[in-house]
């Protein structure tokens, strides 16, 4: 049986419907130097354990999601709409 991802809009869907787009990392300011941008784009840790990633539901609702996934076991712990996640982070 295929692994299922619980999309907040479509419900449980096969992982093949999704495309992993990258890590959820704090983006440098527009005026940041080239070293900060080099770190953001190319120099990253490769952590073992829970990690937040941007996923796109390409074969479903086409929404951007933030998926919390264990990099060792690939178990998905959480999945939320990226726009809602961004608003929740912005609130004090």
N, C-alpha and C. Protein backbone atom coordinates (compact mmCIF):
# COMPACT_ATOMS: atom_id res chain seq x y z
N UNK A 1 0.84 -1.18 0.00
CA UNK A 1 0.00 0.00 0.00
C UNK A 1 0.89 1.25 0.00
N UNK A 2 0.50 2.24 -0.74
CA UNK A 2 1.26 3.48 -0.83
C UNK A 2 1.17 4.27 0.46
N UNK A 3 2.19 5.06 0.70
CA UNK A 3 2.16 5.96 1.86
C UNK A 3 1.12 7.04 1.59
N UNK A 4 0.40 7.41 2.64
CA UNK A 4 -0.64 8.42 2.50
C UNK A 4 -0.23 9.69 3.24
N UNK A 5 -0.54 10.82 2.63
CA UNK A 5 -0.33 12.13 3.23
C UNK A 5 -1.71 12.71 3.49
N UNK A 6 -1.92 13.23 4.68
CA UNK A 6 -3.22 13.79 5.04
C UNK A 6 -3.27 15.26 4.65
N UNK A 7 -3.70 15.53 3.42
CA UNK A 7 -3.84 16.91 2.93
C UNK A 7 -4.99 17.58 3.68
N UNK A 8 -4.78 18.80 4.21
CA UNK A 8 -5.86 19.46 4.95
C UNK A 8 -7.06 19.83 4.07
N UNK A 9 -6.89 19.79 2.75
CA UNK A 9 -7.98 20.15 1.84
C UNK A 9 -8.63 18.93 1.18
N UNK A 10 -7.84 17.89 0.91
CA UNK A 10 -8.32 16.74 0.15
C UNK A 10 -8.44 15.46 0.96
N UNK A 11 -7.91 15.46 2.19
CA UNK A 11 -7.92 14.25 2.99
C UNK A 11 -6.70 13.39 2.68
N UNK A 12 -6.76 12.12 3.04
CA UNK A 12 -5.63 11.21 2.85
C UNK A 12 -5.45 10.90 1.37
N UNK A 13 -4.25 11.20 0.86
CA UNK A 13 -3.94 11.01 -0.56
C UNK A 13 -2.59 10.31 -0.69
N UNK A 14 -2.35 9.55 -1.76
CA UNK A 14 -1.05 8.89 -1.96
C UNK A 14 0.08 9.91 -2.10
N UNK A 15 1.23 9.61 -1.54
CA UNK A 15 2.36 10.56 -1.57
C UNK A 15 2.80 10.88 -2.99
N UNK A 16 2.49 10.02 -3.94
CA UNK A 16 2.87 10.27 -5.34
C UNK A 16 2.15 11.49 -5.94
N UNK A 17 1.10 11.96 -5.29
CA UNK A 17 0.40 13.15 -5.76
C UNK A 17 1.13 14.44 -5.39
N UNK A 18 2.16 14.35 -4.56
CA UNK A 18 2.84 15.53 -4.01
C UNK A 18 4.25 15.65 -4.57
N UNK A 19 4.75 16.89 -4.60
CA UNK A 19 6.12 17.16 -4.99
C UNK A 19 6.78 17.90 -3.84
N UNK A 20 7.93 17.37 -3.38
CA UNK A 20 8.69 18.03 -2.32
C UNK A 20 9.46 19.18 -2.95
N UNK A 21 9.32 20.37 -2.37
CA UNK A 21 9.95 21.55 -2.96
C UNK A 21 11.11 22.11 -2.15
N UNK A 22 11.25 21.77 -0.89
CA UNK A 22 12.40 22.26 -0.14
C UNK A 22 12.10 22.53 1.32
N UNK A 23 13.17 22.79 2.03
CA UNK A 23 13.09 23.00 3.48
C UNK A 23 12.44 24.33 3.83
N UNK A 24 11.76 24.35 4.95
CA UNK A 24 11.20 25.59 5.48
C UNK A 24 12.31 26.23 6.32
N UNK A 25 12.96 27.23 5.74
CA UNK A 25 14.06 27.92 6.39
C UNK A 25 13.80 29.42 6.38
N UNK A 26 14.31 30.15 7.37
CA UNK A 26 14.14 31.61 7.35
C UNK A 26 14.94 32.20 6.19
N UNK A 27 14.27 32.98 5.37
CA UNK A 27 14.89 33.59 4.19
C UNK A 27 15.67 34.84 4.60
N UNK A 28 16.87 35.04 4.05
CA UNK A 28 17.61 36.27 4.37
C UNK A 28 16.88 37.51 3.86
N UNK A 29 17.16 38.65 4.47
CA UNK A 29 16.61 39.91 3.99
C UNK A 29 17.10 40.18 2.58
N UNK A 30 16.34 40.95 1.83
CA UNK A 30 16.70 41.25 0.43
C UNK A 30 18.08 41.89 0.33
N UNK A 31 18.46 42.67 1.30
CA UNK A 31 19.76 43.35 1.26
C UNK A 31 20.89 42.55 1.88
N UNK A 32 20.64 41.32 2.23
CA UNK A 32 21.68 40.49 2.86
C UNK A 32 22.82 40.25 1.87
N UNK A 33 23.99 40.06 2.39
CA UNK A 33 25.16 39.84 1.55
C UNK A 33 25.14 38.49 0.85
N UNK A 34 26.07 38.33 -0.07
CA UNK A 34 26.14 37.10 -0.86
C UNK A 34 26.43 35.88 0.01
N UNK A 35 27.15 36.06 1.11
CA UNK A 35 27.45 34.94 2.00
C UNK A 35 26.17 34.38 2.65
N UNK A 36 25.28 35.28 3.07
CA UNK A 36 24.02 34.85 3.67
C UNK A 36 23.16 34.10 2.64
N UNK A 37 23.14 34.60 1.42
CA UNK A 37 22.36 33.93 0.37
C UNK A 37 23.00 32.59 -0.02
N UNK A 38 24.32 32.52 -0.03
CA UNK A 38 25.02 31.27 -0.33
C UNK A 38 24.66 30.21 0.73
N UNK A 39 24.63 30.62 2.00
CA UNK A 39 24.25 29.70 3.07
C UNK A 39 22.81 29.24 2.90
N UNK A 40 21.91 30.16 2.57
CA UNK A 40 20.49 29.85 2.44
C UNK A 40 20.24 28.89 1.28
N UNK A 41 20.91 29.11 0.17
CA UNK A 41 20.64 28.30 -1.03
C UNK A 41 21.42 26.99 -1.05
N UNK A 42 22.70 27.03 -0.65
CA UNK A 42 23.56 25.87 -0.86
C UNK A 42 24.07 25.18 0.41
N UNK A 43 24.37 25.93 1.43
CA UNK A 43 25.01 25.34 2.62
C UNK A 43 23.98 25.11 3.72
N UNK A 44 23.54 23.88 3.81
CA UNK A 44 22.52 23.55 4.81
C UNK A 44 22.92 22.32 5.58
N UNK A 45 22.41 22.25 6.79
CA UNK A 45 22.56 21.02 7.56
C UNK A 45 21.64 19.96 6.95
N UNK A 46 21.99 18.73 7.14
CA UNK A 46 21.16 17.61 6.71
C UNK A 46 20.75 16.86 7.97
N UNK A 47 19.76 17.40 8.69
CA UNK A 47 19.42 16.84 10.00
C UNK A 47 18.75 15.48 9.92
N UNK A 48 18.92 14.72 10.96
CA UNK A 48 18.22 13.45 11.11
C UNK A 48 17.10 13.69 12.11
N UNK A 49 15.90 13.33 11.72
CA UNK A 49 14.75 13.53 12.61
C UNK A 49 13.70 14.42 11.97
N UNK A 50 12.89 15.05 12.82
CA UNK A 50 11.78 15.88 12.33
C UNK A 50 12.30 17.09 11.58
N UNK A 51 11.69 17.35 10.42
CA UNK A 51 12.12 18.44 9.55
C UNK A 51 10.89 18.98 8.82
N UNK A 52 10.80 20.29 8.71
CA UNK A 52 9.66 20.92 8.01
C UNK A 52 10.05 21.21 6.57
N UNK A 53 9.16 20.82 5.64
CA UNK A 53 9.41 20.99 4.21
C UNK A 53 8.19 21.57 3.52
N UNK A 54 8.44 22.32 2.44
CA UNK A 54 7.35 22.76 1.57
C UNK A 54 7.05 21.64 0.59
N UNK A 55 5.78 21.27 0.51
CA UNK A 55 5.32 20.29 -0.47
C UNK A 55 4.21 20.94 -1.28
N UNK A 56 4.11 20.55 -2.55
CA UNK A 56 3.05 21.05 -3.42
C UNK A 56 2.15 19.88 -3.79
N UNK A 57 0.86 20.05 -3.61
CA UNK A 57 -0.09 18.98 -3.95
C UNK A 57 -0.40 19.10 -5.45
N UNK A 58 0.56 18.66 -6.25
CA UNK A 58 0.52 18.87 -7.70
C UNK A 58 -0.62 18.12 -8.39
N UNK A 59 -0.99 16.96 -7.90
CA UNK A 59 -2.06 16.18 -8.55
C UNK A 59 -3.36 16.22 -7.76
N UNK A 60 -3.51 17.23 -6.95
CA UNK A 60 -4.72 17.35 -6.15
C UNK A 60 -5.20 18.79 -6.15
N UNK A 61 -5.26 19.39 -4.98
CA UNK A 61 -5.80 20.74 -4.82
C UNK A 61 -4.83 21.83 -5.28
N UNK A 62 -3.57 21.46 -5.57
CA UNK A 62 -2.53 22.37 -6.04
C UNK A 62 -2.15 23.42 -5.00
N UNK A 63 -2.41 23.15 -3.75
CA UNK A 63 -2.05 24.06 -2.66
C UNK A 63 -0.63 23.75 -2.19
N UNK A 64 0.02 24.77 -1.64
CA UNK A 64 1.31 24.60 -0.99
C UNK A 64 1.06 24.19 0.44
N UNK A 65 1.83 23.22 0.91
CA UNK A 65 1.68 22.68 2.25
C UNK A 65 3.01 22.70 2.99
N UNK A 66 2.95 22.72 4.31
CA UNK A 66 4.13 22.52 5.14
C UNK A 66 3.97 21.15 5.78
N UNK A 67 4.89 20.26 5.45
CA UNK A 67 4.84 18.89 5.94
C UNK A 67 6.00 18.69 6.92
N UNK A 68 5.69 18.18 8.08
CA UNK A 68 6.72 17.82 9.06
C UNK A 68 6.95 16.32 8.91
N UNK A 69 8.19 15.98 8.50
CA UNK A 69 8.52 14.61 8.16
C UNK A 69 9.81 14.20 8.87
N UNK A 70 9.87 12.95 9.32
CA UNK A 70 11.08 12.42 9.92
C UNK A 70 12.01 11.98 8.78
N UNK A 71 13.20 12.56 8.72
CA UNK A 71 14.10 12.28 7.61
C UNK A 71 14.69 10.87 7.67
N UNK A 72 14.64 10.23 8.80
CA UNK A 72 15.17 8.87 8.91
C UNK A 72 14.12 7.82 8.54
N UNK A 73 12.90 7.98 9.03
CA UNK A 73 11.86 6.98 8.80
C UNK A 73 10.87 7.39 7.70
N UNK A 74 10.90 8.64 7.29
CA UNK A 74 9.97 9.23 6.30
C UNK A 74 8.54 9.30 6.81
N UNK A 75 8.34 9.09 8.11
CA UNK A 75 7.01 9.18 8.69
C UNK A 75 6.57 10.65 8.74
N UNK A 76 5.36 10.92 8.29
CA UNK A 76 4.82 12.27 8.29
C UNK A 76 4.08 12.50 9.60
N UNK A 77 4.50 13.53 10.34
CA UNK A 77 3.89 13.83 11.64
C UNK A 77 2.79 14.88 11.52
N UNK A 78 2.91 15.79 10.55
CA UNK A 78 1.92 16.86 10.41
C UNK A 78 1.92 17.38 8.98
N UNK A 79 0.78 17.94 8.59
CA UNK A 79 0.64 18.54 7.27
C UNK A 79 -0.36 19.69 7.41
N UNK A 80 0.08 20.90 7.03
CA UNK A 80 -0.82 22.04 7.12
C UNK A 80 -0.66 22.94 5.91
N UNK A 81 -1.68 23.73 5.65
CA UNK A 81 -1.64 24.68 4.55
C UNK A 81 -0.52 25.69 4.80
N UNK A 82 0.32 25.93 3.80
CA UNK A 82 1.48 26.82 3.98
C UNK A 82 1.06 28.25 4.29
N UNK A 83 -0.01 28.73 3.69
CA UNK A 83 -0.46 30.10 3.96
C UNK A 83 -0.91 30.25 5.40
N UNK A 84 -1.60 29.26 5.92
CA UNK A 84 -2.05 29.31 7.32
C UNK A 84 -0.86 29.18 8.26
N UNK A 85 0.10 28.35 7.91
CA UNK A 85 1.30 28.19 8.73
C UNK A 85 2.07 29.50 8.81
N UNK A 86 2.17 30.20 7.69
CA UNK A 86 2.89 31.48 7.66
C UNK A 86 2.18 32.52 8.53
N UNK A 87 0.85 32.57 8.45
CA UNK A 87 0.09 33.52 9.29
C UNK A 87 0.24 33.20 10.76
N UNK A 88 0.24 31.92 11.11
CA UNK A 88 0.38 31.52 12.51
C UNK A 88 1.75 31.89 13.05
N UNK A 89 2.80 31.81 12.23
CA UNK A 89 4.14 32.19 12.66
C UNK A 89 4.25 33.69 12.86
N UNK A 90 3.52 34.47 12.07
CA UNK A 90 3.59 35.93 12.11
C UNK A 90 2.89 36.50 13.34
N UNK A 91 1.96 35.75 13.91
CA UNK A 91 1.21 36.27 15.07
C UNK A 91 2.04 36.14 16.34
N UNK A 92 1.98 37.16 17.21
CA UNK A 92 2.75 37.11 18.46
C UNK A 92 2.22 36.11 19.46
